């Protein structure tokens, strides 16, 4: 569940789920990096990635892909590099669904559950 301060201050706490994905996409940079899920409309393909600049990253995807895409989930991470660990752990959890590169052939709900599972693992591992 997203923390209400996200909407007030636009400064997420580590491992909070963003509930305002549209405004997240308009920010040039956020104070913390995010692990995010991008989905292709009408298909069960999604990408799990991490960045501190979702707006720029989405612009790159929209330029390079001939499909309508959207951010369907985002979770903040501490600014200590753990967002990369969160992304890699999520990829590991979803490896049986790997389509190509960092794209997975699975429903959004499965990918979101994997990100949440990975976040619990990263929190336990990094303290």
C-alpha atoms as a PDB file:
ATOM      1  CA  UNK A   1       0.000   0.000   0.000  1.00  0.00           C
ATOM      2  CA  UNK A   2       1.336   3.441  -0.874  1.00  0.00           C
ATOM      3  CA  UNK A   3       2.107   5.868   1.888  1.00  0.00           C
ATOM      4  CA  UNK A   4      -0.055   9.032   1.906  1.00  0.00           C
ATOM      5  CA  UNK A   5       3.015  11.280   2.144  1.00  0.00           C
ATOM      6  CA  UNK A   6       3.859  10.300  -1.421  1.00  0.00           C
ATOM      7  CA  UNK A   7       1.004  12.478  -2.646  1.00  0.00           C
ATOM      8  CA  UNK A   8       1.851  15.370  -0.315  1.00  0.00           C
ATOM      9  CA  UNK A   9       5.618  15.617  -0.716  1.00  0.00           C
ATOM     10  CA  UNK A  10       6.351  13.566  -3.864  1.00  0.00           C
ATOM     11  CA  UNK A  11       9.180  12.015  -1.852  1.00  0.00           C
ATOM     12  CA  UNK A  12       8.679   8.286  -1.475  1.00  0.00           C
ATOM     13  CA  UNK A  13      10.001   6.294   1.420  1.00  0.00           C
ATOM     14  CA  UNK A  14      12.049   3.235   0.512  1.00  0.00           C
ATOM     15  CA  UNK A  15       9.904   0.281  -0.559  1.00  0.00           C
ATOM     16  CA  UNK A  16       6.675   2.235  -0.743  1.00  0.00           C
ATOM     17  CA  UNK A  17       4.424   1.492  -3.646  1.00  0.00           C
ATOM     18  CA  UNK A  18       3.571   4.518  -5.734  1.00  0.00           C
ATOM     19  CA  UNK A  19      -0.165   4.939  -6.220  1.00  0.00           C
ATOM     20  CA  UNK A  20       0.103   7.971  -8.515  1.00  0.00           C
ATOM     21  CA  UNK A  21       1.866   6.521 -11.541  1.00  0.00           C
ATOM     22  CA  UNK A  22       0.748   9.296 -13.890  1.00  0.00           C
ATOM     23  CA  UNK A  23       2.470  12.018 -11.861  1.00  0.00           C
ATOM     24  CA  UNK A  24       5.545   9.837 -11.392  1.00  0.00           C
ATOM     25  CA  UNK A  25       5.956   9.783 -15.167  1.00  0.00           C
ATOM     26  CA  UNK A  26       5.985  13.593 -15.374  1.00  0.00           C
ATOM     27  CA  UNK A  27       8.827  14.128 -12.877  1.00  0.00           C
ATOM     28  CA  UNK A  28      12.295  14.637 -14.302  1.00  0.00           C
ATOM     29  CA  UNK A  29      13.928  12.965 -11.312  1.00  0.00           C
ATOM     30  CA  UNK A  30      12.724  11.537  -8.071  1.00  0.00           C
ATOM     31  CA  UNK A  31      14.552  11.681  -4.763  1.00  0.00           C
ATOM     32  CA  UNK A  32      14.780   7.888  -4.668  1.00  0.00           C
ATOM     33  CA  UNK A  33      15.156   5.332  -7.448  1.00  0.00           C
ATOM     34  CA  UNK A  34      12.305   3.022  -8.397  1.00  0.00           C
ATOM     35  CA  UNK A  35      11.825  -0.542  -9.468  1.00  0.00           C
ATOM     36  CA  UNK A  36       9.007  -0.402 -12.008  1.00  0.00           C
ATOM     37  CA  UNK A  37       6.831  -2.570 -14.190  1.00  0.00           C
ATOM     38  CA  UNK A  38       6.056  -1.537 -17.772  1.00  0.00           C
ATOM     39  CA  UNK A  39       3.305  -3.381 -19.613  1.00  0.00           C
ATOM     40  CA  UNK A  40       2.329  -3.598 -23.260  1.00  0.00           C
ATOM     41  CA  UNK A  41      -1.362  -2.887 -23.751  1.00  0.00           C
ATOM     42  CA  UNK A  42      -3.363  -5.927 -24.812  1.00  0.00           C
ATOM     43  CA  UNK A  43      -0.491  -8.371 -24.323  1.00  0.00           C
ATOM     44  CA  UNK A  44       0.927 -10.336 -21.407  1.00  0.00           C
ATOM     45  CA  UNK A  45       4.401  -8.912 -21.898  1.00  0.00           C
ATOM     46  CA  UNK A  46       5.993  -6.738 -19.252  1.00  0.00           C
ATOM     47  CA  UNK A  47       9.382  -5.374 -18.332  1.00  0.00           C
ATOM     48  CA  UNK A  48      10.832  -4.997 -14.872  1.00  0.00           C
ATOM     49  CA  UNK A  49      13.453  -2.277 -14.564  1.00  0.00           C
ATOM     50  CA  UNK A  50      14.875   0.319 -12.221  1.00  0.00           C
ATOM     51  CA  UNK A  51      15.695   4.000 -12.613  1.00  0.00           C
ATOM     52  CA  UNK A  52      15.714   7.376 -10.892  1.00  0.00           C
ATOM     53  CA  UNK A  53      14.222   9.011 -13.985  1.00  0.00           C
ATOM     54  CA  UNK A  54      11.094   7.190 -15.105  1.00  0.00           C
ATOM     55  CA  UNK A  55      10.073   9.999 -17.450  1.00  0.00           C
ATOM     56  CA  UNK A  56      13.240   9.655 -19.513  1.00  0.00           C
ATOM     57  CA  UNK A  57      13.131   5.862 -19.427  1.00  0.00           C
ATOM     58  CA  UNK A  58       9.526   5.754 -20.628  1.00  0.00           C
ATOM     59  CA  UNK A  59      10.357   8.197 -23.416  1.00  0.00           C
ATOM     60  CA  UNK A  60      13.021   5.790 -24.636  1.00  0.00           C
ATOM     61  CA  UNK A  61      10.619   2.854 -24.573  1.00  0.00           C
ATOM     62  CA  UNK A  62       7.900   4.772 -26.386  1.00  0.00           C
ATOM     63  CA  UNK A  63      10.345   5.772 -29.098  1.00  0.00           C
ATOM     64  CA  UNK A  64      11.678   2.246 -29.572  1.00  0.00           C
ATOM     65  CA  UNK A  65       8.530   0.140 -29.295  1.00  0.00           C
ATOM     66  CA  UNK A  66       5.629   0.012 -31.751  1.00  0.00           C
ATOM     67  CA  UNK A  67       3.140  -0.789 -28.957  1.00  0.00           C
ATOM     68  CA  UNK A  68       1.214   1.286 -26.443  1.00  0.00           C
ATOM     69  CA  UNK A  69       2.926   0.862 -23.070  1.00  0.00           C
ATOM     70  CA  UNK A  70       2.324   2.120 -19.553  1.00  0.00           C
ATOM     71  CA  UNK A  71       3.791   1.940 -16.093  1.00  0.00           C
ATOM     72  CA  UNK A  72       1.591  -0.443 -14.166  1.00  0.00           C
ATOM     73  CA  UNK A  73       3.549  -0.557 -10.900  1.00  0.00           C
ATOM     74  CA  UNK A  74       6.399   1.270  -9.189  1.00  0.00           C
ATOM     75  CA  UNK A  75       8.101   0.786  -5.834  1.00  0.00           C
ATOM     76  CA  UNK A  76      10.679   3.161  -4.418  1.00  0.00           C
ATOM     77  CA  UNK A  77      13.995   1.877  -3.116  1.00  0.00           C
ATOM     78  CA  UNK A  78      16.729   3.428  -0.970  1.00  0.00           C
ATOM     79  CA  UNK A  79      19.351   5.477  -2.763  1.00  0.00           C
ATOM     80  CA  UNK A  80      22.054   2.945  -1.910  1.00  0.00           C
ATOM     81  CA  UNK A  81      21.988   0.788  -5.016  1.00  0.00           C
ATOM     82  CA  UNK A  82      19.443  -1.636  -3.599  1.00  0.00           C
ATOM     83  CA  UNK A  83      17.058  -0.790  -6.463  1.00  0.00           C
ATOM     84  CA  UNK A  84      19.425  -2.729  -8.739  1.00  0.00           C
ATOM     85  CA  UNK A  85      19.351  -5.685  -6.341  1.00  0.00           C
ATOM     86  CA  UNK A  86      15.554  -5.422  -6.208  1.00  0.00           C
ATOM     87  CA  UNK A  87      15.386  -5.506 -10.020  1.00  0.00           C
ATOM     88  CA  UNK A  88      17.827  -8.435 -10.303  1.00  0.00           C
ATOM     89  CA  UNK A  89      16.020 -10.443  -7.621  1.00  0.00           C
ATOM     90  CA  UNK A  90      12.706  -9.850  -9.399  1.00  0.00           C
ATOM     91  CA  UNK A  91      14.259 -11.051 -12.668  1.00  0.00           C
ATOM     92  CA  UNK A  92      15.449 -14.171 -10.862  1.00  0.00           C
ATOM     93  CA  UNK A  93      11.970 -14.870  -9.465  1.00  0.00           C
ATOM     94  CA  UNK A  94      10.433 -14.469 -12.937  1.00  0.00           C
ATOM     95  CA  UNK A  95      13.178 -16.302 -14.871  1.00  0.00           C
ATOM     96  CA  UNK A  96      10.784 -19.114 -15.837  1.00  0.00           C
ATOM     97  CA  UNK A  97       8.677 -16.449 -17.635  1.00  0.00           C
ATOM     98  CA  UNK A  98      11.575 -14.789 -19.471  1.00  0.00           C
ATOM     99  CA  UNK A  99      10.724 -13.867 -23.064  1.00  0.00           C
ATOM    100  CA  UNK A 100      13.850 -11.924 -24.047  1.00  0.00           C
ATOM    101  CA  UNK A 101      16.282  -9.574 -22.314  1.00  0.00           C
ATOM    102  CA  UNK A 102      14.344  -8.043 -19.436  1.00  0.00           C
ATOM    103  CA  UNK A 103      10.913  -8.720 -20.933  1.00  0.00           C
ATOM    104  CA  UNK A 104       8.699 -11.358 -19.384  1.00  0.00           C
ATOM    105  CA  UNK A 105       5.656 -13.201 -20.689  1.00  0.00           C
ATOM    106  CA  UNK A 106       3.372 -13.088 -17.661  1.00  0.00           C
ATOM    107  CA  UNK A 107       0.374 -11.227 -16.283  1.00  0.00           C
ATOM    108  CA  UNK A 108       1.027  -7.943 -14.474  1.00  0.00           C
ATOM    109  CA  UNK A 109      -0.268  -9.436 -11.244  1.00  0.00           C
ATOM    110  CA  UNK A 110       2.422 -12.127 -11.280  1.00  0.00           C
ATOM    111  CA  UNK A 111       5.156  -9.575 -11.964  1.00  0.00           C
ATOM    112  CA  UNK A 112       3.871  -7.254  -9.202  1.00  0.00           C
ATOM    113  CA  UNK A 113       3.857 -10.154  -6.735  1.00  0.00           C
ATOM    114  CA  UNK A 114       7.442 -10.930  -7.786  1.00  0.00           C
ATOM    115  CA  UNK A 115       8.549  -7.333  -7.137  1.00  0.00           C
ATOM    116  CA  UNK A 116       6.916  -7.430  -3.705  1.00  0.00           C
ATOM    117  CA  UNK A 117       8.562 -10.777  -2.931  1.00  0.00           C
ATOM    118  CA  UNK A 118      11.920  -9.408  -4.078  1.00  0.00           C
ATOM    119  CA  UNK A 119      11.481  -6.295  -1.913  1.00  0.00           C
ATOM    120  CA  UNK A 120      10.881  -8.466   1.156  1.00  0.00           C
ATOM    121  CA  UNK A 121      14.045 -10.423   0.321  1.00  0.00           C
ATOM    122  CA  UNK A 122      16.117  -7.237  -0.218  1.00  0.00           C
ATOM    123  CA  UNK A 123      14.858  -5.718   3.063  1.00  0.00           C
ATOM    124  CA  UNK A 124      15.782  -8.912   4.941  1.00  0.00           C
ATOM    125  CA  UNK A 125      19.171  -9.162   3.201  1.00  0.00           C
ATOM    126  CA  UNK A 126      20.259  -5.527   3.483  1.00  0.00           C
ATOM    127  CA  UNK A 127      18.799  -4.921   6.913  1.00  0.00           C
END
